[in-house]
Amino acid sequence: RILIPTSSMAFTLVLWVVAISILIIVYPFIGGTYHWILLLYPL
C-alpha cells in the first residue's frame, strides 16, 4: 500500500523537475554562478 502515496509524490516530482530544469537553464542569467559546490545539491 505504501506505493500509492509514493506514486503520488513521484507524480509531483515529475512535474517539479520541469520547473527546476528551467531554473538550471536560466540560472546564470538571474545571478547564479556555476561552481563545484553545486555538486552537493543532489545530496
Full PDB file with SEQRES, HELIX, SHEET, SSBOND, CRYST1, ORIGX, SCALE, CONECT and MASTER records, all heavy atoms in Angstrom:
SEQRES   1 A   43  ARG ILE LEU ILE PRO THR SER SER MET ALA PHE THR LEU          
SEQRES   2 A   43  VAL LEU TRP VAL VAL ALA ILE SER ILE LEU ILE ILE VAL          
SEQRES   3 A   43  TYR PRO PHE ILE GLY GLY THR TYR HIS TRP ILE LEU LEU          
SEQRES   4 A   43  LEU TYR PRO LEU                                              
HELIX    1 AA1 LEU A    3  VAL A   26  1                                  24    
HELIX    2 AA2 TYR A   27  ILE A   30  5                                   4    
HELIX    3 AA3 TRP A   36  LEU A   40  5                                   5    
CRYST1    1.000    1.000    1.000  90.00  90.00  90.00 P 1           1          
ORIGX1      1.000000  0.000000  0.000000        0.00000                         
ORIGX2      0.000000  1.000000  0.000000        0.00000                         
ORIGX3      0.000000  0.000000  1.000000        0.00000                         
SCALE1      1.000000  0.000000  0.000000        0.00000                         
SCALE2      0.000000  1.000000  0.000000        0.00000                         
SCALE3      0.000000  0.000000  1.000000        0.00000                         
ATOM      1  N   ARG A   1       0.810  -1.223   0.000  1.00  0.00           N  
ATOM      2  CA  ARG A   1       0.000   0.000   0.000  1.00  0.00           C  
ATOM      3  C   ARG A   1       0.839   1.268   0.000  1.00  0.00           C  
ATOM      4  O   ARG A   1       0.384   2.332  -0.414  1.00  0.00           O  
ATOM      5  CB  ARG A   1      -0.928   0.012   1.217  1.00  0.00           C  
ATOM      6  CG  ARG A   1      -1.781  -1.238   1.414  1.00  0.00           C  
ATOM      7  CD  ARG A   1      -2.438  -1.714   0.146  1.00  0.00           C  
ATOM      8  NE  ARG A   1      -3.428  -2.763   0.380  1.00  0.00           N  
ATOM      9  CZ  ARG A   1      -3.930  -3.517  -0.573  1.00  0.00           C  
ATOM     10  NH1 ARG A   1      -3.499  -3.387  -1.819  1.00  0.00           N  
ATOM     11  NH2 ARG A   1      -4.835  -4.435  -0.307  1.00  0.00           N  
ATOM     12  N   ILE A   2       2.076   1.157   0.449  1.00  0.00           N  
ATOM     13  CA  ILE A   2       2.952   2.314   0.531  1.00  0.00           C  
ATOM     14  C   ILE A   2       3.263   2.879  -0.859  1.00  0.00           C  
ATOM     15  O   ILE A   2       3.675   4.040  -0.987  1.00  0.00           O  
ATOM     16  CB  ILE A   2       4.266   1.931   1.262  1.00  0.00           C  
ATOM     17  CG1 ILE A   2       4.965   3.183   1.808  1.00  0.00           C  
ATOM     18  CG2 ILE A   2       5.184   1.141   0.354  1.00  0.00           C  
ATOM     19  CD1 ILE A   2       6.138   2.863   2.712  1.00  0.00           C  
ATOM     20  N   LEU A   3       3.021   2.085  -1.890  1.00  0.00           N  
ATOM     21  CA  LEU A   3       3.293   2.534  -3.251  1.00  0.00           C  
ATOM     22  C   LEU A   3       2.303   3.594  -3.716  1.00  0.00           C  
ATOM     23  O   LEU A   3       2.610   4.372  -4.625  1.00  0.00           O  
ATOM     24  CB  LEU A   3       3.266   1.348  -4.217  1.00  0.00           C  
ATOM     25  CG  LEU A   3       4.320   0.263  -3.976  1.00  0.00           C  
ATOM     26  CD1 LEU A   3       4.185  -0.839  -5.004  1.00  0.00           C  
ATOM     27  CD2 LEU A   3       5.716   0.857  -4.002  1.00  0.00           C  
ATOM     28  N   ILE A   4       1.117   3.657  -3.107  1.00  0.00           N  
ATOM     29  CA  ILE A   4       0.122   4.658  -3.504  1.00  0.00           C  
ATOM     30  C   ILE A   4       0.606   6.071  -3.173  1.00  0.00           C  
ATOM     31  O   ILE A   4       0.704   6.927  -4.061  1.00  0.00           O  
ATOM     32  CB  ILE A   4      -1.241   4.368  -2.851  1.00  0.00           C  
ATOM     33  CG1 ILE A   4      -1.845   3.077  -3.412  1.00  0.00           C  
ATOM     34  CG2 ILE A   4      -2.196   5.531  -3.077  1.00  0.00           C  
ATOM     35  CD1 ILE A   4      -2.396   3.208  -4.807  1.00  0.00           C  
ATOM     36  N   PRO A   5       0.914   6.389  -1.894  1.00  0.00           N  
ATOM     37  CA  PRO A   5       1.439   7.733  -1.615  1.00  0.00           C  
ATOM     38  C   PRO A   5       2.795   7.974  -2.261  1.00  0.00           C  
ATOM     39  O   PRO A   5       3.119   9.123  -2.609  1.00  0.00           O  
ATOM     40  CB  PRO A   5       1.531   7.768  -0.084  1.00  0.00           C  
ATOM     41  CG  PRO A   5       1.540   6.349   0.356  1.00  0.00           C  
ATOM     42  CD  PRO A   5       0.729   5.605  -0.651  1.00  0.00           C  
ATOM     43  N   THR A   6       3.576   6.915  -2.454  1.00  0.00           N  
ATOM     44  CA  THR A   6       4.872   7.073  -3.114  1.00  0.00           C  
ATOM     45  C   THR A   6       4.688   7.481  -4.570  1.00  0.00           C  
ATOM     46  O   THR A   6       5.399   8.358  -5.078  1.00  0.00           O  
ATOM     47  CB  THR A   6       5.683   5.764  -3.038  1.00  0.00           C  
ATOM     48  OG1 THR A   6       5.892   5.417  -1.665  1.00  0.00           O  
ATOM     49  CG2 THR A   6       7.026   5.922  -3.720  1.00  0.00           C  
ATOM     50  N   SER A   7       3.725   6.879  -5.258  1.00  0.00           N  
ATOM     51  CA  SER A   7       3.469   7.244  -6.657  1.00  0.00           C  
ATOM     52  C   SER A   7       2.898   8.655  -6.752  1.00  0.00           C  
ATOM     53  O   SER A   7       3.171   9.377  -7.719  1.00  0.00           O  
ATOM     54  CB  SER A   7       2.509   6.241  -7.303  1.00  0.00           C  
ATOM     55  OG  SER A   7       1.211   6.321  -6.715  1.00  0.00           O  
ATOM     56  N   SER A   8       2.121   9.069  -5.741  1.00  0.00           N  
ATOM     57  CA  SER A   8       1.594  10.435  -5.710  1.00  0.00           C  
ATOM     58  C   SER A   8       2.735  11.438  -5.629  1.00  0.00           C  
ATOM     59  O   SER A   8       2.747  12.453  -6.336  1.00  0.00           O  
ATOM     60  CB  SER A   8       0.653  10.611  -4.514  1.00  0.00           C  
ATOM     61  OG  SER A   8       0.283  11.964  -4.352  1.00  0.00           O  
ATOM     62  N   MET A   9       3.712  11.143  -4.783  1.00  0.00           N  
ATOM     63  CA  MET A   9       4.860  12.043  -4.665  1.00  0.00           C  
ATOM     64  C   MET A   9       5.725  11.998  -5.918  1.00  0.00           C  
ATOM     65  O   MET A   9       6.276  13.020  -6.335  1.00  0.00           O  
ATOM     66  CB  MET A   9       5.681  11.682  -3.431  1.00  0.00           C  
ATOM     67  CG  MET A   9       6.813  12.652  -3.197  1.00  0.00           C  
ATOM     68  SD  MET A   9       7.531  12.508  -1.572  1.00  0.00           S  
ATOM     69  CE  MET A   9       8.849  13.733  -1.752  1.00  0.00           C  
ATOM     70  N   ALA A  10       5.846  10.812  -6.523  1.00  0.00           N  
ATOM     71  CA  ALA A  10       6.614  10.696  -7.765  1.00  0.00           C  
ATOM     72  C   ALA A  10       5.982  11.537  -8.869  1.00  0.00           C  
ATOM     73  O   ALA A  10       6.685  12.159  -9.672  1.00  0.00           O  
ATOM     74  CB  ALA A  10       6.696   9.226  -8.192  1.00  0.00           C  
ATOM     75  N   PHE A  11       4.653  11.566  -8.908  1.00  0.00           N  
ATOM     76  CA  PHE A  11       3.929  12.387  -9.875  1.00  0.00           C  
ATOM     77  C   PHE A  11       4.264  13.865  -9.679  1.00  0.00           C  
ATOM     78  O   PHE A  11       4.548  14.593 -10.642  1.00  0.00           O  
ATOM     79  CB  PHE A  11       2.429  12.142  -9.716  1.00  0.00           C  
ATOM     80  CG  PHE A  11       1.554  13.112 -10.451  1.00  0.00           C  
ATOM     81  CD1 PHE A  11       1.494  13.099 -11.833  1.00  0.00           C  
ATOM     82  CD2 PHE A  11       0.791  14.046  -9.770  1.00  0.00           C  
ATOM     83  CE1 PHE A  11       0.685  13.991 -12.520  1.00  0.00           C  
ATOM     84  CE2 PHE A  11      -0.009  14.940 -10.443  1.00  0.00           C  
ATOM     85  CZ  PHE A  11      -0.070  14.913 -11.828  1.00  0.00           C  
ATOM     86  N   THR A  12       4.253  14.319  -8.430  1.00  0.00           N  
ATOM     87  CA  THR A  12       4.603  15.705  -8.139  1.00  0.00           C  
ATOM     88  C   THR A  12       6.047  15.996  -8.524  1.00  0.00           C  
ATOM     89  O   THR A  12       6.358  17.073  -9.057  1.00  0.00           O  
ATOM     90  CB  THR A  12       4.407  16.006  -6.639  1.00  0.00           C  
ATOM     91  OG1 THR A  12       3.058  15.707  -6.276  1.00  0.00           O  
ATOM     92  CG2 THR A  12       4.689  17.465  -6.334  1.00  0.00           C  
ATOM     93  N   LEU A  13       6.930  15.050  -8.276  1.00  0.00           N  
ATOM     94  CA  LEU A  13       8.346  15.219  -8.617  1.00  0.00           C  
ATOM     95  C   LEU A  13       8.545  15.362 -10.122  1.00  0.00           C  
ATOM     96  O   LEU A  13       9.374  16.165 -10.572  1.00  0.00           O  
ATOM     97  CB  LEU A  13       9.154  14.029  -8.098  1.00  0.00           C  
ATOM     98  CG  LEU A  13       9.686  14.139  -6.672  1.00  0.00           C  
ATOM     99  CD1 LEU A  13      10.276  12.797  -6.227  1.00  0.00           C  
ATOM    100  CD2 LEU A  13      10.726  15.232  -6.558  1.00  0.00           C  
ATOM    101  N   VAL A  14       7.797  14.586 -10.901  1.00  0.00           N  
ATOM    102  CA  VAL A  14       7.916  14.663 -12.360  1.00  0.00           C  
ATOM    103  C   VAL A  14       7.571  16.072 -12.833  1.00  0.00           C  
ATOM    104  O   VAL A  14       8.282  16.658 -13.672  1.00  0.00           O  
ATOM    105  CB  VAL A  14       6.997  13.621 -13.036  1.00  0.00           C  
ATOM    106  CG1 VAL A  14       6.904  13.876 -14.534  1.00  0.00           C  
ATOM    107  CG2 VAL A  14       7.521  12.220 -12.778  1.00  0.00           C  
ATOM    108  N   LEU A  15       6.486  16.638 -12.304  1.00  0.00           N  
ATOM    109  CA  LEU A  15       6.092  17.999 -12.678  1.00  0.00           C  
ATOM    110  C   LEU A  15       7.126  19.016 -12.194  1.00  0.00           C  
ATOM    111  O   LEU A  15       7.446  19.980 -12.889  1.00  0.00           O  
ATOM    112  CB  LEU A  15       4.723  18.337 -12.076  1.00  0.00           C  
ATOM    113  CG  LEU A  15       3.555  17.449 -12.499  1.00  0.00           C  
ATOM    114  CD1 LEU A  15       2.262  17.919 -11.841  1.00  0.00           C  
ATOM    115  CD2 LEU A  15       3.401  17.438 -14.011  1.00  0.00           C  
ATOM    116  N   TRP A  16       7.652  18.781 -11.007  1.00  0.00           N  
ATOM    117  CA  TRP A  16       8.599  19.719 -10.419  1.00  0.00           C  
ATOM    118  C   TRP A  16       9.922  19.740 -11.171  1.00  0.00           C  
ATOM    119  O   TRP A  16      10.571  20.787 -11.271  1.00  0.00           O  
ATOM    120  CB  TRP A  16       8.826  19.345  -8.953  1.00  0.00           C  
ATOM    121  CG  TRP A  16       9.710  20.295  -8.211  1.00  0.00           C  
ATOM    122  CD1 TRP A  16       9.368  21.498  -7.681  1.00  0.00           C  
ATOM    123  CD2 TRP A  16      11.105  20.101  -7.908  1.00  0.00           C  
ATOM    124  NE1 TRP A  16      10.449  22.082  -7.063  1.00  0.00           N  
ATOM    125  CE2 TRP A  16      11.528  21.241  -7.188  1.00  0.00           C  
ATOM    126  CE3 TRP A  16      12.006  19.078  -8.163  1.00  0.00           C  
ATOM    127  CZ2 TRP A  16      12.837  21.372  -6.730  1.00  0.00           C  
ATOM    128  CZ3 TRP A  16      13.311  19.217  -7.722  1.00  0.00           C  
ATOM    129  CH2 TRP A  16      13.706  20.365  -7.003  1.00  0.00           C  
ATOM    130  N   VAL A  17      10.323  18.599 -11.706  1.00  0.00           N  
ATOM    131  CA  VAL A  17      11.580  18.518 -12.458  1.00  0.00           C  
ATOM    132  C   VAL A  17      11.566  19.464 -13.655  1.00  0.00           C  
ATOM    133  O   VAL A  17      12.601  20.037 -14.023  1.00  0.00           O  
ATOM    134  CB  VAL A  17      11.843  17.060 -12.902  1.00  0.00           C  
ATOM    135  CG1 VAL A  17      12.913  16.995 -13.983  1.00  0.00           C  
ATOM    136  CG2 VAL A  17      12.277  16.217 -11.712  1.00  0.00           C  
ATOM    137  N   VAL A  18      10.399  19.652 -14.256  1.00  0.00           N  
ATOM    138  CA  VAL A  18      10.288  20.583 -15.389  1.00  0.00           C  
ATOM    139  C   VAL A  18      10.642  21.991 -14.938  1.00  0.00           C  
ATOM    140  O   VAL A  18      11.415  22.700 -15.593  1.00  0.00           O  
ATOM    141  CB  VAL A  18       8.859  20.564 -15.980  1.00  0.00           C  
ATOM    142  CG1 VAL A  18       8.736  21.566 -17.116  1.00  0.00           C  
ATOM    143  CG2 VAL A  18       8.504  19.167 -16.468  1.00  0.00           C  
ATOM    144  N   ALA A  19      10.098  22.414 -13.801  1.00  0.00           N  
ATOM    145  CA  ALA A  19      10.362  23.756 -13.292  1.00  0.00           C  
ATOM    146  C   ALA A  19      11.828  23.931 -12.904  1.00  0.00           C  
ATOM    147  O   ALA A  19      12.449  24.956 -13.218  1.00  0.00           O  
ATOM    148  CB  ALA A  19       9.455  24.045 -12.090  1.00  0.00           C  
ATOM    149  N   ILE A  20      12.398  22.955 -12.210  1.00  0.00           N  
ATOM    150  CA  ILE A  20      13.791  23.078 -11.763  1.00  0.00           C  
ATOM    151  C   ILE A  20      14.738  23.011 -12.957  1.00  0.00           C  
ATOM    152  O   ILE A  20      15.833  23.605 -12.929  1.00  0.00           O  
ATOM    153  CB  ILE A  20      14.128  21.986 -10.716  1.00  0.00           C  
ATOM    154  CG1 ILE A  20      15.332  22.427  -9.854  1.00  0.00           C  
ATOM    155  CG2 ILE A  20      14.399  20.668 -11.364  1.00  0.00           C  
ATOM    156  CD1 ILE A  20      15.049  23.576  -8.948  1.00  0.00           C  
ATOM    157  N   SER A  21      14.342  22.319 -14.039  1.00  0.00           N  
ATOM    158  CA  SER A  21      15.170  22.266 -15.242  1.00  0.00           C  
ATOM    159  C   SER A  21      15.274  23.638 -15.888  1.00  0.00           C  
ATOM    160  O   SER A  21      16.344  24.030 -16.387  1.00  0.00           O  
ATOM    161  CB  SER A  21      14.607  21.257 -16.251  1.00  0.00           C  
ATOM    162  OG  SER A  21      14.586  19.960 -15.699  1.00  0.00           O  
ATOM    163  N   ILE A  22      14.163  24.369 -15.862  1.00  0.00           N  
ATOM    164  CA  ILE A  22      14.185  25.728 -16.418  1.00  0.00           C  
ATOM    165  C   ILE A  22      15.068  26.627 -15.565  1.00  0.00           C  
ATOM    166  O   ILE A  22      15.800  27.482 -16.080  1.00  0.00           O  
ATOM    167  CB  ILE A  22      12.751  26.265 -16.526  1.00  0.00           C  
ATOM    168  CG1 ILE A  22      11.981  25.488 -17.589  1.00  0.00           C  
ATOM    169  CG2 ILE A  22      12.748  27.753 -16.852  1.00  0.00           C  
ATOM    170  CD1 ILE A  22      10.552  25.884 -17.747  1.00  0.00           C  
ATOM    171  N   LEU A  23      15.025  26.445 -14.236  1.00  0.00           N  
ATOM    172  CA  LEU A  23      15.908  27.212 -13.357  1.00  0.00           C  
ATOM    173  C   LEU A  23      17.374  26.950 -13.709  1.00  0.00           C  
ATOM    174  O   LEU A  23      18.186  27.881 -13.743  1.00  0.00           O  
ATOM    175  CB  LEU A  23      15.656  26.856 -11.891  1.00  0.00           C  
ATOM    176  CG  LEU A  23      16.675  27.425 -10.882  1.00  0.00           C  
ATOM    177  CD1 LEU A  23      16.679  28.955 -10.916  1.00  0.00           C  
ATOM    178  CD2 LEU A  23      16.367  26.931  -9.468  1.00  0.00           C  
ATOM    179  N   ILE A  24      17.712  25.700 -13.982  1.00  0.00           N  
ATOM    180  CA  ILE A  24      19.087  25.361 -14.325  1.00  0.00           C  
ATOM    181  C   ILE A  24      19.516  26.090 -15.593  1.00  0.00           C  
ATOM    182  O   ILE A  24      20.658  26.572 -15.709  1.00  0.00           O  
ATOM    183  CB  ILE A  24      19.232  23.834 -14.506  1.00  0.00           C  
ATOM    184  CG1 ILE A  24      19.013  23.125 -13.159  1.00  0.00           C  
ATOM    185  CG2 ILE A  24      20.601  23.478 -15.076  1.00  0.00           C  
ATOM    186  CD1 ILE A  24      18.949  21.614 -13.272  1.00  0.00           C  
ATOM    187  N   ILE A  25      18.596  26.230 -16.548  1.00  0.00           N  
ATOM    188  CA  ILE A  25      18.911  26.879 -17.817  1.00  0.00           C  
ATOM    189  C   ILE A  25      19.116  28.391 -17.630  1.00  0.00           C  
ATOM    190  O   ILE A  25      20.081  28.972 -18.146  1.00  0.00           O  
ATOM    191  CB  ILE A  25      17.802  26.608 -18.851  1.00  0.00           C  
ATOM    192  CG1 ILE A  25      17.751  25.104 -19.192  1.00  0.00           C  
ATOM    193  CG2 ILE A  25      18.036  27.421 -20.124  1.00  0.00           C  
ATOM    194  CD1 ILE A  25      16.565  24.711 -20.024  1.00  0.00           C  
ATOM    195  N   VAL A  26      18.207  29.022 -16.874  1.00  0.00           N  
ATOM    196  CA  VAL A  26      18.271  30.489 -16.726  1.00  0.00           C  
ATOM    197  C   VAL A  26      19.150  30.906 -15.544  1.00  0.00           C  
ATOM    198  O   VAL A  26      19.317  32.101 -15.300  1.00  0.00           O  
ATOM    199  CB  VAL A  26      16.855  31.085 -16.547  1.00  0.00           C  
ATOM    200  CG1 VAL A  26      15.969  30.700 -17.714  1.00  0.00           C  
ATOM    201  CG2 VAL A  26      16.218  30.632 -15.226  1.00  0.00           C  
ATOM    202  N   TYR A  27      19.700  29.933 -14.821  1.00  0.00           N  
ATOM    203  CA  TYR A  27      20.464  30.188 -13.607  1.00  0.00           C  
ATOM    204  C   TYR A  27      21.513  31.291 -13.754  1.00  0.00           C  
ATOM    205  O   TYR A  27      21.546  32.225 -12.947  1.00  0.00           O  
ATOM    206  CB  TYR A  27      21.104  28.874 -13.160  1.00  0.00           C  
ATOM    207  CG  TYR A  27      21.850  28.920 -11.851  1.00  0.00           C  
ATOM    208  CD1 TYR A  27      21.194  29.196 -10.653  1.00  0.00           C  
ATOM    209  CD2 TYR A  27      23.215  28.666 -11.799  1.00  0.00           C  
ATOM    210  CE1 TYR A  27      21.874  29.222  -9.449  1.00  0.00           C  
ATOM    211  CE2 TYR A  27      23.905  28.682 -10.611  1.00  0.00           C  
ATOM    212  CZ  TYR A  27      23.231  28.964  -9.435  1.00  0.00           C  
ATOM    213  OH  TYR A  27      23.905  28.998  -8.247  1.00  0.00           O  
ATOM    214  N   PRO A  28      22.385  31.239 -14.767  1.00  0.00           N  
ATOM    215  CA  PRO A  28      23.403  32.299 -14.872  1.00  0.00           C  
ATOM    216  C   PRO A  28      22.831  33.657 -15.278  1.00  0.00           C  
ATOM    217  O   PRO A  28      23.471  34.689 -15.040  1.00  0.00           O  
ATOM    218  CB  PRO A  28      24.370  31.760 -15.938  1.00  0.00           C  
ATOM    219  CG  PRO A  28      23.553  30.817 -16.749  1.00  0.00           C  
ATOM    220  CD  PRO A  28      22.556  30.209 -15.800  1.00  0.00           C  
ATOM    221  N   PHE A  29      21.643  33.681 -15.867  1.00  0.00           N  
ATOM    222  CA  PHE A  29      21.051  34.935 -16.330  1.00  0.00           C  
ATOM    223  C   PHE A  29      20.332  35.700 -15.224  1.00  0.00           C  
ATOM    224  O   PHE A  29      20.007  36.879 -15.387  1.00  0.00           O  
ATOM    225  CB  PHE A  29      20.080  34.665 -17.491  1.00  0.00           C  
ATOM    226  CG  PHE A  29      20.722  33.980 -18.658  1.00  0.00           C  
ATOM    227  CD1 PHE A  29      20.517  32.621 -18.876  1.00  0.00           C  
ATOM    228  CD2 PHE A  29      21.544  34.672 -19.526  1.00  0.00           C  
ATOM    229  CE1 PHE A  29      21.105  31.974 -19.942  1.00  0.00           C  
ATOM    230  CE2 PHE A  29      22.142  34.049 -20.602  1.00  0.00           C  
ATOM    231  CZ  PHE A  29      21.931  32.687 -20.809  1.00  0.00           C  
ATOM    232  N   ILE A  30      20.056  35.024 -14.087  1.00  0.00           N  
ATOM    233  CA  ILE A  30      19.377  35.706 -12.976  1.00  0.00           C  
ATOM    234  C   ILE A  30      20.293  35.836 -11.757  1.00  0.00           C  
ATOM    235  O   ILE A  30      19.817  36.036 -10.639  1.00  0.00           O  
ATOM    236  CB  ILE A  30      18.064  34.989 -12.602  1.00  0.00           C  
ATOM    237  CG1 ILE A  30      18.316  33.517 -12.231  1.00  0.00           C  
ATOM    238  CG2 ILE A  30      17.056  35.086 -13.734  1.00  0.00           C  
ATOM    239  CD1 ILE A  30      17.058  32.783 -11.775  1.00  0.00           C  
ATOM    240  N   GLY A  31      21.588  35.715 -12.010  1.00  0.00           N  
ATOM    241  CA  GLY A  31      22.548  35.983 -10.940  1.00  0.00           C  
ATOM    242  C   GLY A  31      23.301  34.800 -10.412  1.00  0.00           C  
ATOM    243  O   GLY A  31      24.171  34.950  -9.543  1.00  0.00           O  
ATOM    244  N   GLY A  32      23.001  33.584 -10.892  1.00  0.00           N  
ATOM    245  CA  GLY A  32      23.681  32.396 -10.401  1.00  0.00           C  
ATOM    246  C   GLY A  32      25.027  32.178 -11.068  1.00  0.00           C  
ATOM    247  O   GLY A  32      25.279  32.689 -12.160  1.00  0.00           O  
ATOM    248  N   THR A  33      25.879  31.418 -10.408  1.00  0.00           N  
ATOM    249  CA  THR A  33      27.199  31.091 -10.947  1.00  0.00           C  
ATOM    250  C   THR A  33      27.428  29.590 -10.806  1.00  0.00           C  
ATOM    251  O   THR A  33      27.256  29.032  -9.715  1.00  0.00           O  
ATOM    252  CB  THR A  33      28.313  31.839 -10.183  1.00  0.00           C  
ATOM    253  OG1 THR A  33      28.061  33.253 -10.241  1.00  0.00           O  
ATOM    254  CG2 THR A  33      29.672  31.544 -10.798  1.00  0.00           C  
ATOM    255  N   TYR A  34      27.808  28.953 -11.896  1.00  0.00           N  
ATOM    256  CA  TYR A  34      28.097  27.524 -11.845  1.00  0.00           C  
ATOM    257  C   TYR A  34      29.428  27.312 -11.116  1.00  0.00           C  
ATOM    258  O   TYR A  34      30.448  27.921 -11.471  1.00  0.00           O  
ATOM    259  CB  TYR A  34      28.188  26.950 -13.257  1.00  0.00           C  
ATOM    260  CG  TYR A  34      26.877  26.972 -14.008  1.00  0.00           C  
ATOM    261  CD1 TYR A  34      26.761  27.639 -15.228  1.00  0.00           C  
ATOM    262  CD2 TYR A  34      25.756  26.319 -13.509  1.00  0.00           C  
ATOM    263  CE1 TYR A  34      25.552  27.656 -15.918  1.00  0.00           C  
ATOM    264  CE2 TYR A  34      24.555  26.330 -14.191  1.00  0.00           C  
ATOM    265  CZ  TYR A  34      24.459  27.005 -15.393  1.00  0.00           C  
ATOM    266  OH  TYR A  34      23.261  27.018 -16.062  1.00  0.00           O  
ATOM    267  N   HIS A  35      29.428  26.476 -10.091  1.00  0.00           N  
ATOM    268  CA  HIS A  35      30.631  26.216  -9.307  1.00  0.00           C  
ATOM    269  C   HIS A  35      30.544  24.807  -8.719  1.00  0.00           C  
ATOM    270  O   HIS A  35      29.493  24.158  -8.747  1.00  0.00           O  
ATOM    271  CB  HIS A  35      30.803  27.258  -8.193  1.00  0.00           C  
ATOM    272  CG  HIS A  35      29.527  27.539  -7.452  1.00  0.00           C  
ATOM    273  ND1 HIS A  35      28.981  26.675  -6.526  1.00  0.00           N  
ATOM    274  CD2 HIS A  35      28.663  28.592  -7.542  1.00  0.00           C  
ATOM    275  CE1 HIS A  35      27.863  27.185  -6.056  1.00  0.00           C  
ATOM    276  NE2 HIS A  35      27.632  28.339  -6.656  1.00  0.00           N  
ATOM    277  N   TRP A  36      31.652  24.331  -8.162  1.00  0.00           N  
ATOM    278  CA  TRP A  36      31.731  22.945  -7.704  1.00  0.00           C  
ATOM    279  C   TRP A  36      30.800  22.654  -6.534  1.00  0.00           C  
ATOM    280  O   TRP A  36      30.396  21.502  -6.326  1.00  0.00           O  
ATOM    281  CB  TRP A  36      33.170  22.588  -7.317  1.00  0.00           C  
ATOM    282  CG  TRP A  36      33.663  23.251  -6.056  1.00  0.00           C  
ATOM    283  CD1 TRP A  36      34.323  24.431  -5.961  1.00  0.00           C  
ATOM    284  CD2 TRP A  36      33.519  22.755  -4.721  1.00  0.00           C  
ATOM    285  NE1 TRP A  36      34.597  24.726  -4.639  1.00  0.00           N  
ATOM    286  CE2 TRP A  36      34.121  23.714  -3.862  1.00  0.00           C  
ATOM    287  CE3 TRP A  36      32.952  21.611  -4.163  1.00  0.00           C  
ATOM    288  CZ2 TRP A  36      34.155  23.545  -2.484  1.00  0.00           C  
ATOM    289  CZ3 TRP A  36      32.992  21.447  -2.785  1.00  0.00           C  
ATOM    290  CH2 TRP A  36      33.589  22.401  -1.965  1.00  0.00           C  
ATOM    291  N   ILE A  37      30.433  23.669  -5.757  1.00  0.00           N  
ATOM    292  CA  ILE A  37      29.549  23.456  -4.604  1.00  0.00           C  
ATOM    293  C   ILE A  37      28.176  22.954  -5.053  1.00  0.00           C  
ATOM    294  O   ILE A  37      27.467  22.294  -4.288  1.00  0.00           O  
ATOM    295  CB  ILE A  37      29.435  24.751  -3.770  1.00  0.00           C  
ATOM    296  CG1 ILE A  37      30.810  25.097  -3.178  1.00  0.00           C  
ATOM    297  CG2 ILE A  37      28.415  24.616  -2.652  1.00  0.00           C  
ATOM    298  CD1 ILE A  37      30.850  26.391  -2.405  1.00  0.00           C  
ATOM    299  N   LEU A  38      27.826  23.223  -6.298  1.00  0.00           N  
ATOM    300  CA  LEU A  38      26.544  22.743  -6.831  1.00  0.00           C  
ATOM    301  C   LEU A  38      26.472  21.216  -6.822  1.00  0.00           C  
ATOM    302  O   LEU A  38      25.379  20.649  -6.870  1.00  0.00           O  
ATOM    303  CB  LEU A  38      26.335  23.264  -8.254  1.00  0.00           C  
ATOM    304  CG  LEU A  38      26.111  24.772  -8.418  1.00  0.00           C  
ATOM    305  CD1 LEU A  38      26.055  25.146  -9.895  1.00  0.00           C  
ATOM    306  CD2 LEU A  38      24.842  25.212  -7.706  1.00  0.00           C  
ATOM    307  N   LEU A  39      27.621  20.562  -6.753  1.00  0.00           N  
ATOM    308  CA  LEU A  39      27.637  19.095  -6.713  1.00  0.00           C  
ATOM    309  C   LEU A  39      26.988  18.563  -5.439  1.00  0.00           C  
ATOM    310  O   LEU A  39      26.575  17.395  -5.388  1.00  0.00           O  
ATOM    311  CB  LEU A  39      29.080  18.585  -6.812  1.00  0.00           C  
ATOM    312  CG  LEU A  39      29.818  18.893  -8.125  1.00  0.00           C  
ATOM    313  CD1 LEU A  39      31.270  18.446  -8.034  1.00  0.00           C  
ATOM    314  CD2 LEU A  39      29.122  18.222  -9.303  1.00  0.00           C  
ATOM    315  N   LEU A  40      26.894  19.414  -4.406  1.00  0.00           N  
ATOM    316  CA  LEU A  40      26.262  18.994  -3.159  1.00  0.00           C  
ATOM    317  C   LEU A  40      24.736  19.078  -3.233  1.00  0.00           C  
ATOM    318  O   LEU A  40      24.050  18.519  -2.381  1.00  0.00           O  
ATOM    319  CB  LEU A  40      26.744  19.884  -2.000  1.00  0.00           C  
ATOM    320  CG  LEU A  40      28.234  19.830  -1.659  1.00  0.00           C  
ATOM    321  CD1 LEU A  40      28.550  20.835  -0.566  1.00  0.00           C  
ATOM    322  CD2 LEU A  40      28.628  18.428  -1.235  1.00  0.00           C  
ATOM    323  N   TYR A  41      24.239  19.758  -4.259  1.00  0.00           N  
ATOM    324  CA  TYR A  41      22.790  19.969  -4.354  1.00  0.00           C  
ATOM    325  C   TYR A  41      21.990  18.665  -4.410  1.00  0.00           C  
ATOM    326  O   TYR A  41      20.987  18.528  -3.693  1.00  0.00           O  
ATOM    327  CB  TYR A  41      22.461  20.850  -5.558  1.00  0.00           C  
ATOM    328  CG  TYR A  41      20.989  21.018  -5.798  1.00  0.00           C  
ATOM    329  CD1 TYR A  41      20.194  21.736  -4.907  1.00  0.00           C  
ATOM    330  CD2 TYR A  41      20.377  20.429  -6.901  1.00  0.00           C  
ATOM    331  CE1 TYR A  41      18.832  21.883  -5.124  1.00  0.00           C  
ATOM    332  CE2 TYR A  41      19.016  20.574  -7.125  1.00  0.00           C  
ATOM    333  CZ  TYR A  41      18.247  21.290  -6.230  1.00  0.00           C  
ATOM    334  OH  TYR A  41      16.904  21.429  -6.439  1.00  0.00           O  
ATOM    335  N   PRO A  42      22.375  17.674  -5.246  1.00  0.00           N  
ATOM    336  CA  PRO A  42      21.594  16.417  -5.268  1.00  0.00           C  
ATOM    337  C   PRO A  42      21.509  15.748  -3.902  1.00  0.00           C  
ATOM    338  O   PRO A  42      20.481  15.145  -3.567  1.00  0.00           O  
ATOM    339  CB  PRO A  42      22.360  15.552  -6.273  1.00  0.00           C  
ATOM    340  CG  PRO A  42      23.074  16.520  -7.150  1.00  0.00           C  
ATOM    341  CD  PRO A  42      23.456  17.664  -6.250  1.00  0.00           C  
ATOM    342  N   LEU A  43      22.579  15.845  -3.101  1.00  0.00           N  
ATOM    343  CA  LEU A  43      22.568  15.243  -1.767  1.00  0.00           C  
ATOM    344  C   LEU A  43      21.530  15.918  -0.877  1.00  0.00           C  
ATOM    345  O   LEU A  43      20.711  15.249  -0.238  1.00  0.00           O  
ATOM    346  CB  LEU A  43      23.955  15.353  -1.133  1.00  0.00           C  
ATOM    347  CG  LEU A  43      24.052  14.958   0.350  1.00  0.00           C  
ATOM    348  CD1 LEU A  43      23.722  13.484   0.528  1.00  0.00           C  
ATOM    349  CD2 LEU A  43      25.445  15.271   0.903  1.00  0.00           C  
TER     350      LEU A  43                                                      
MASTER        0    0    0    3    0    0    0    6  349    1    0    4          
END                                                                             
